[in-house]
Amino acid sequence: MLGKRMRHLRERENLSQLQLAKKLNIPNQSISNYERGFRNPDYETLNKIADFFEVTTDYLLGRSDQPHMTEDEAFEAFRHSEELKRWYKKLPESSEEDLLRLKKVWEAFKEFDD
């Protein structure tokens, strides 16, 4: 997921791998390896990438489909959406157990996007 998202973000900015590597001050080969899934960046480099593209590390790692929200923030946005409230009118009064079940359903739906 990281490689796919990095490539998408890089191409969206019309940058070559070499240009991105220079902007991040890392070797060009590293960008290639990340995008092809051969290697993963260390924590510091992951943060550099996220900061450069102004997205969350959760988005880069595939933990969230919202570039600017963490996984928990994305679930909370889903949980409080008007469409969901119409579908599930009793959501605000739901037990913690029901909310956990709903989160599992939401995560299963997200799998279809990958």
Protein backbone atom coordinates (compact mmCIF):
# COMPACT_ATOMS: atom_id res chain seq x y z
CA MET A 1 0.00 0.00 0.00
CA LEU A 2 2.82 2.43 0.88
CA GLY A 3 4.44 2.12 -2.54
CA LYS A 4 1.18 2.56 -4.40
CA ARG A 5 0.27 5.66 -2.43
CA MET A 6 3.74 7.17 -2.65
CA ARG A 7 3.78 6.75 -6.41
CA HIS A 8 0.29 8.25 -6.74
CA LEU A 9 1.25 11.27 -4.63
CA ARG A 10 4.55 11.73 -6.47
CA GLU A 11 2.90 11.55 -9.87
CA ARG A 12 0.15 13.90 -8.75
CA GLU A 13 2.86 16.46 -8.00
CA ASN A 14 4.51 15.74 -11.40
CA LEU A 15 7.76 14.69 -9.75
CA SER A 16 10.22 12.06 -10.90
CA GLN A 17 11.69 9.67 -8.35
CA LEU A 18 14.95 11.59 -8.58
CA GLN A 19 13.25 14.94 -7.95
CA LEU A 20 11.41 13.56 -4.92
CA ALA A 21 14.57 11.98 -3.56
CA LYS A 22 16.37 15.34 -3.80
CA LYS A 23 13.51 17.16 -2.06
CA LEU A 24 13.54 14.59 0.76
CA ASN A 25 17.34 14.41 0.84
CA ILE A 26 17.38 10.63 0.48
CA PRO A 27 18.89 8.33 -2.18
CA ASN A 28 16.96 7.96 -5.43
CA GLN A 29 17.15 4.17 -5.10
CA SER A 30 15.25 4.39 -1.81
CA ILE A 31 12.25 5.99 -3.54
CA SER A 32 12.30 3.25 -6.16
CA ASN A 33 12.54 0.54 -3.50
CA TYR A 34 9.67 2.02 -1.47
CA GLU A 35 7.41 2.35 -4.49
CA ARG A 36 8.11 -1.22 -5.64
CA GLY A 37 7.60 -2.61 -2.15
CA PHE A 38 11.16 -3.90 -1.85
CA ARG A 39 11.88 -1.86 1.28
CA ASN A 40 10.05 0.24 3.84
CA PRO A 41 11.23 3.62 5.05
CA ASP A 42 12.39 4.09 8.60
CA TYR A 43 10.22 6.12 10.97
CA GLU A 44 12.02 9.41 10.30
CA THR A 45 11.82 9.00 6.52
CA LEU A 46 8.15 7.98 6.68
CA ASN A 47 7.43 11.19 8.56
CA LYS A 48 9.41 13.22 5.99
CA ILE A 49 7.34 11.72 3.18
CA ALA A 50 4.07 12.38 5.00
CA ASP A 51 5.08 15.95 5.79
CA PHE A 52 6.20 16.62 2.23
CA PHE A 53 2.89 15.43 0.74
CA GLU A 54 0.87 16.84 3.66
CA VAL A 55 -0.79 13.51 4.44
CA THR A 56 -0.84 11.33 7.53
CA THR A 57 1.42 8.35 8.02
CA ASP A 58 -1.78 6.31 8.49
CA TYR A 59 -2.76 7.22 4.94
CA LEU A 60 0.65 6.27 3.54
CA LEU A 61 0.58 2.94 5.36
CA GLY A 62 -2.96 2.11 4.25
CA ARG A 63 -4.45 2.38 7.73
CA SER A 64 -6.73 5.18 6.55
CA ASP A 65 -8.22 6.10 3.21
CA GLN A 66 -8.43 9.73 4.27
CA PRO A 67 -5.14 11.48 3.44
CA HIS A 68 -5.57 14.03 6.21
CA MET A 69 -7.18 11.85 8.90
CA THR A 70 -5.92 9.08 11.10
CA GLU A 71 -7.75 5.75 11.11
CA ASP A 72 -9.60 6.71 14.29
CA GLU A 73 -10.54 10.14 12.91
CA ALA A 74 -11.82 8.56 9.69
CA PHE A 75 -13.94 6.09 11.67
CA GLU A 76 -15.34 8.90 13.83
CA ALA A 77 -16.23 10.86 10.69
CA PHE A 78 -17.94 7.75 9.30
CA ARG A 79 -19.68 7.11 12.61
CA HIS A 80 -21.10 10.65 12.74
CA SER A 81 -22.05 10.94 9.07
CA GLU A 82 -25.63 11.92 8.28
CA GLU A 83 -26.01 9.04 5.82
CA LEU A 84 -25.07 6.51 8.47
CA LYS A 85 -27.34 8.15 11.04
CA ARG A 86 -30.27 7.82 8.65
CA TRP A 87 -29.33 4.19 8.06
CA TYR A 88 -28.68 3.40 11.69
CA LYS A 89 -30.88 5.79 13.67
CA LYS A 90 -29.93 4.43 17.06
CA LEU A 91 -26.18 4.78 16.56
CA PRO A 92 -25.66 7.56 19.15
CA GLU A 93 -27.18 5.34 21.84
CA SER A 94 -25.31 2.21 20.77
CA SER A 95 -23.29 0.19 23.21
CA GLU A 96 -19.52 0.03 22.94
CA GLU A 97 -19.88 -3.58 21.77
CA ASP A 98 -22.17 -2.51 18.90
CA LEU A 99 -19.76 0.26 17.93
CA LEU A 100 -16.90 -2.25 17.79
CA ARG A 101 -19.01 -4.48 15.52
CA LEU A 102 -19.77 -1.50 13.31
CA LYS A 103 -16.07 -0.64 13.11
CA LYS A 104 -15.30 -4.21 11.95
CA VAL A 105 -17.94 -3.89 9.23
CA TRP A 106 -16.47 -0.55 8.18
CA GLU A 107 -12.97 -2.05 8.00
CA ALA A 108 -14.31 -4.90 5.87
CA PHE A 109 -15.84 -2.40 3.45
CA LYS A 110 -12.52 -0.59 3.19
CA GLU A 111 -10.86 -3.84 2.05
CA PHE A 112 -12.79 -3.58 -1.24
CA ASP A 113 -10.92 -0.34 -2.13
CA ASP A 114 -7.50 -2.00 -1.94
